[in-house]
Amino acid sequence: MGLQLPEQILLPGRSGPAGRSSLGSLDRPDRAHRLDPRPEDEPIRLWARANGYLVNDRGHIPGPLREAYEASL
C-alpha cells in the first residue's frame, strides 16, 4: 500500500515539526520592537502634525511624507 509517513516529520537540528523552528518567537524580531519609533523620525512626525498630515506615533513614515519634510528644510 505505499509509504506511510509519520504525522510530524522532524528535520535535523530541530525538535518541532517540519517548517517550524523549535525556538518559537525567539527566532524572529518582536513586532513591538520593530515598530518602536526611531529618534531621528521624531522631527518628521512633529513637522507632519504641524502641517496637517496624519502620522502615527511609531512605525513606517511614507516616502512622500519624508520627501515633503526634506523639501521644507
N, C-alpha and C. Protein backbone atom coordinates (compact mmCIF):
# COMPACT_ATOMS: atom_id res chain seq x y z
N MET A 1 0.79 -1.15 0.00
CA MET A 1 0.00 0.00 0.00
C MET A 1 0.84 1.22 0.00
N GLY A 2 1.89 1.45 -0.15
CA GLY A 2 2.58 2.72 -0.19
C GLY A 2 3.27 3.07 1.12
N LEU A 3 4.08 4.04 1.01
CA LEU A 3 4.87 4.50 2.14
C LEU A 3 4.02 5.36 3.05
N GLN A 4 4.05 5.10 4.33
CA GLN A 4 3.33 5.93 5.29
C GLN A 4 4.34 6.75 6.07
N LEU A 5 4.09 8.06 6.14
CA LEU A 5 4.98 8.96 6.86
C LEU A 5 4.36 9.30 8.21
N PRO A 6 5.21 9.54 9.21
CA PRO A 6 4.66 9.97 10.49
C PRO A 6 3.99 11.33 10.34
N GLU A 7 3.04 11.63 11.23
CA GLU A 7 2.34 12.90 11.15
C GLU A 7 3.28 14.08 11.28
N GLN A 8 4.27 13.98 12.14
CA GLN A 8 5.24 15.07 12.32
C GLN A 8 6.59 14.59 11.83
N ILE A 9 7.08 15.24 10.79
CA ILE A 9 8.39 14.91 10.26
C ILE A 9 9.38 15.85 10.92
N LEU A 10 10.37 15.30 11.61
CA LEU A 10 11.37 16.13 12.29
C LEU A 10 12.56 16.32 11.36
N LEU A 11 13.04 17.53 11.30
CA LEU A 11 14.21 17.85 10.49
C LEU A 11 15.45 17.83 11.37
N PRO A 12 16.63 17.56 10.78
CA PRO A 12 17.86 17.55 11.58
C PRO A 12 18.06 18.89 12.28
N GLY A 13 18.43 18.84 13.54
CA GLY A 13 18.69 20.05 14.31
C GLY A 13 17.45 20.75 14.82
N ARG A 14 16.30 20.16 14.63
CA ARG A 14 15.04 20.76 15.07
C ARG A 14 14.30 19.76 15.96
N SER A 15 13.57 20.30 16.89
CA SER A 15 12.81 19.41 17.75
C SER A 15 11.32 19.50 17.48
N GLY A 16 10.91 20.37 16.58
CA GLY A 16 9.49 20.54 16.27
C GLY A 16 9.17 20.01 14.89
N PRO A 17 7.92 20.14 14.47
CA PRO A 17 7.51 19.67 13.15
C PRO A 17 8.24 20.41 12.03
N ALA A 18 8.27 19.82 10.87
CA ALA A 18 8.93 20.43 9.72
C ALA A 18 8.36 21.82 9.45
N GLY A 19 9.23 22.75 9.14
CA GLY A 19 8.80 24.10 8.81
C GLY A 19 8.61 25.00 10.01
N ARG A 20 8.78 24.50 11.21
CA ARG A 20 8.61 25.31 12.41
C ARG A 20 9.87 25.25 13.23
N SER A 21 10.35 26.36 13.68
CA SER A 21 11.55 26.41 14.50
C SER A 21 11.22 26.00 15.93
N SER A 22 12.15 25.35 16.56
CA SER A 22 11.94 24.96 17.95
C SER A 22 12.12 26.15 18.89
N LEU A 23 12.59 27.28 18.36
CA LEU A 23 12.80 28.45 19.20
C LEU A 23 11.54 29.28 19.36
N GLY A 24 10.51 28.96 18.63
CA GLY A 24 9.26 29.72 18.73
C GLY A 24 9.46 31.17 18.35
N SER A 25 9.03 32.09 19.21
CA SER A 25 9.11 33.51 18.88
C SER A 25 10.52 34.07 19.07
N LEU A 26 11.44 33.29 19.58
CA LEU A 26 12.79 33.80 19.80
C LEU A 26 13.59 33.92 18.51
N ASP A 27 13.14 33.28 17.44
CA ASP A 27 13.90 33.31 16.19
C ASP A 27 13.47 34.43 15.25
N ARG A 28 12.56 35.31 15.70
CA ARG A 28 12.17 36.45 14.87
C ARG A 28 12.06 37.69 15.76
N PRO A 29 12.27 38.87 15.17
CA PRO A 29 12.20 40.08 15.98
C PRO A 29 10.80 40.28 16.55
N ASP A 30 10.74 40.81 17.72
CA ASP A 30 9.46 41.11 18.35
C ASP A 30 8.77 42.22 17.58
N ARG A 31 7.50 42.05 17.27
CA ARG A 31 6.77 43.03 16.47
C ARG A 31 6.77 44.41 17.11
N ALA A 32 6.55 44.47 18.40
CA ALA A 32 6.54 45.77 19.08
C ALA A 32 7.90 46.45 18.98
N HIS A 33 8.96 45.68 19.05
CA HIS A 33 10.30 46.25 18.95
C HIS A 33 10.53 46.84 17.56
N ARG A 34 10.06 46.16 16.52
CA ARG A 34 10.25 46.67 15.16
C ARG A 34 9.48 47.96 14.92
N LEU A 35 8.40 48.18 15.64
CA LEU A 35 7.59 49.36 15.42
C LEU A 35 7.94 50.53 16.34
N ASP A 36 8.92 50.32 17.21
CA ASP A 36 9.33 51.41 18.09
C ASP A 36 9.80 52.59 17.25
N PRO A 37 9.45 53.80 17.65
CA PRO A 37 9.85 54.97 16.87
C PRO A 37 11.37 55.16 16.90
N ARG A 38 11.92 55.55 15.78
CA ARG A 38 13.34 55.88 15.72
C ARG A 38 13.49 57.34 16.13
N PRO A 39 14.47 57.65 16.94
CA PRO A 39 14.64 59.05 17.39
C PRO A 39 14.77 60.04 16.24
N GLU A 40 15.40 59.64 15.14
CA GLU A 40 15.59 60.56 14.02
C GLU A 40 14.28 60.83 13.27
N ASP A 41 13.24 60.05 13.52
CA ASP A 41 11.96 60.28 12.87
C ASP A 41 11.08 61.28 13.62
N GLU A 42 11.38 61.56 14.86
CA GLU A 42 10.52 62.44 15.66
C GLU A 42 10.37 63.83 15.04
N PRO A 43 11.44 64.48 14.55
CA PRO A 43 11.23 65.80 13.91
C PRO A 43 10.30 65.73 12.70
N ILE A 44 10.36 64.64 11.95
CA ILE A 44 9.47 64.47 10.79
C ILE A 44 8.02 64.37 11.26
N ARG A 45 7.80 63.59 12.32
CA ARG A 45 6.44 63.43 12.84
C ARG A 45 5.90 64.76 13.38
N LEU A 46 6.72 65.50 14.09
CA LEU A 46 6.29 66.80 14.63
C LEU A 46 5.96 67.77 13.49
N TRP A 47 6.82 67.82 12.48
CA TRP A 47 6.58 68.69 11.33
C TRP A 47 5.30 68.28 10.61
N ALA A 48 5.11 66.98 10.42
CA ALA A 48 3.94 66.49 9.70
C ALA A 48 2.65 66.89 10.43
N ARG A 49 2.62 66.71 11.73
CA ARG A 49 1.42 67.07 12.50
C ARG A 49 1.15 68.57 12.43
N ALA A 50 2.20 69.38 12.51
CA ALA A 50 2.06 70.83 12.47
C ALA A 50 1.59 71.31 11.10
N ASN A 51 1.78 70.48 10.08
CA ASN A 51 1.41 70.85 8.72
C ASN A 51 0.21 70.07 8.20
N GLY A 52 -0.57 69.49 9.11
CA GLY A 52 -1.83 68.87 8.73
C GLY A 52 -1.76 67.44 8.24
N TYR A 53 -0.62 66.80 8.34
CA TYR A 53 -0.50 65.41 7.93
C TYR A 53 -0.91 64.50 9.10
N LEU A 54 -1.53 63.37 8.78
CA LEU A 54 -1.82 62.36 9.79
C LEU A 54 -0.65 61.38 9.81
N VAL A 55 -0.07 61.20 10.97
CA VAL A 55 1.08 60.31 11.09
C VAL A 55 1.00 59.58 12.42
N ASN A 56 1.33 58.30 12.42
CA ASN A 56 1.31 57.51 13.65
C ASN A 56 2.48 57.86 14.55
N ASP A 57 2.35 57.48 15.82
CA ASP A 57 3.43 57.73 16.78
C ASP A 57 4.63 56.82 16.55
N ARG A 58 4.41 55.72 15.86
CA ARG A 58 5.51 54.78 15.58
C ARG A 58 5.22 54.08 14.27
N GLY A 59 6.21 53.38 13.76
CA GLY A 59 6.04 52.65 12.51
C GLY A 59 6.62 53.41 11.34
N HIS A 60 6.29 52.92 10.17
CA HIS A 60 6.82 53.43 8.91
C HIS A 60 6.31 54.84 8.61
N ILE A 61 7.22 55.69 8.17
CA ILE A 61 6.84 57.01 7.66
C ILE A 61 6.90 56.91 6.14
N PRO A 62 5.80 57.17 5.45
CA PRO A 62 5.77 57.04 3.99
C PRO A 62 6.80 57.93 3.30
N GLY A 63 7.32 57.44 2.19
CA GLY A 63 8.32 58.17 1.42
C GLY A 63 7.89 59.57 1.03
N PRO A 64 6.68 59.74 0.50
CA PRO A 64 6.25 61.10 0.12
C PRO A 64 6.23 62.07 1.31
N LEU A 65 5.92 61.58 2.48
CA LEU A 65 5.94 62.44 3.67
C LEU A 65 7.38 62.84 4.01
N ARG A 66 8.29 61.89 3.93
CA ARG A 66 9.72 62.21 4.15
C ARG A 66 10.20 63.24 3.13
N GLU A 67 9.80 63.05 1.88
CA GLU A 67 10.21 63.97 0.82
C GLU A 67 9.67 65.38 1.06
N ALA A 68 8.42 65.48 1.51
CA ALA A 68 7.83 66.79 1.81
C ALA A 68 8.58 67.46 2.96
N TYR A 69 8.94 66.68 3.96
CA TYR A 69 9.70 67.21 5.09
C TYR A 69 11.06 67.73 4.61
N GLU A 70 11.76 66.92 3.82
CA GLU A 70 13.08 67.33 3.32
C GLU A 70 12.99 68.59 2.45
N ALA A 71 11.94 68.69 1.67
CA ALA A 71 11.75 69.86 0.79
C ALA A 71 11.48 71.13 1.61
N SER A 72 10.94 70.96 2.82
CA SER A 72 10.61 72.11 3.64
C SER A 72 11.81 72.68 4.37
N LEU A 73 12.90 71.97 4.40
CA LEU A 73 14.09 72.44 5.14
C LEU A 73 14.88 73.47 4.38
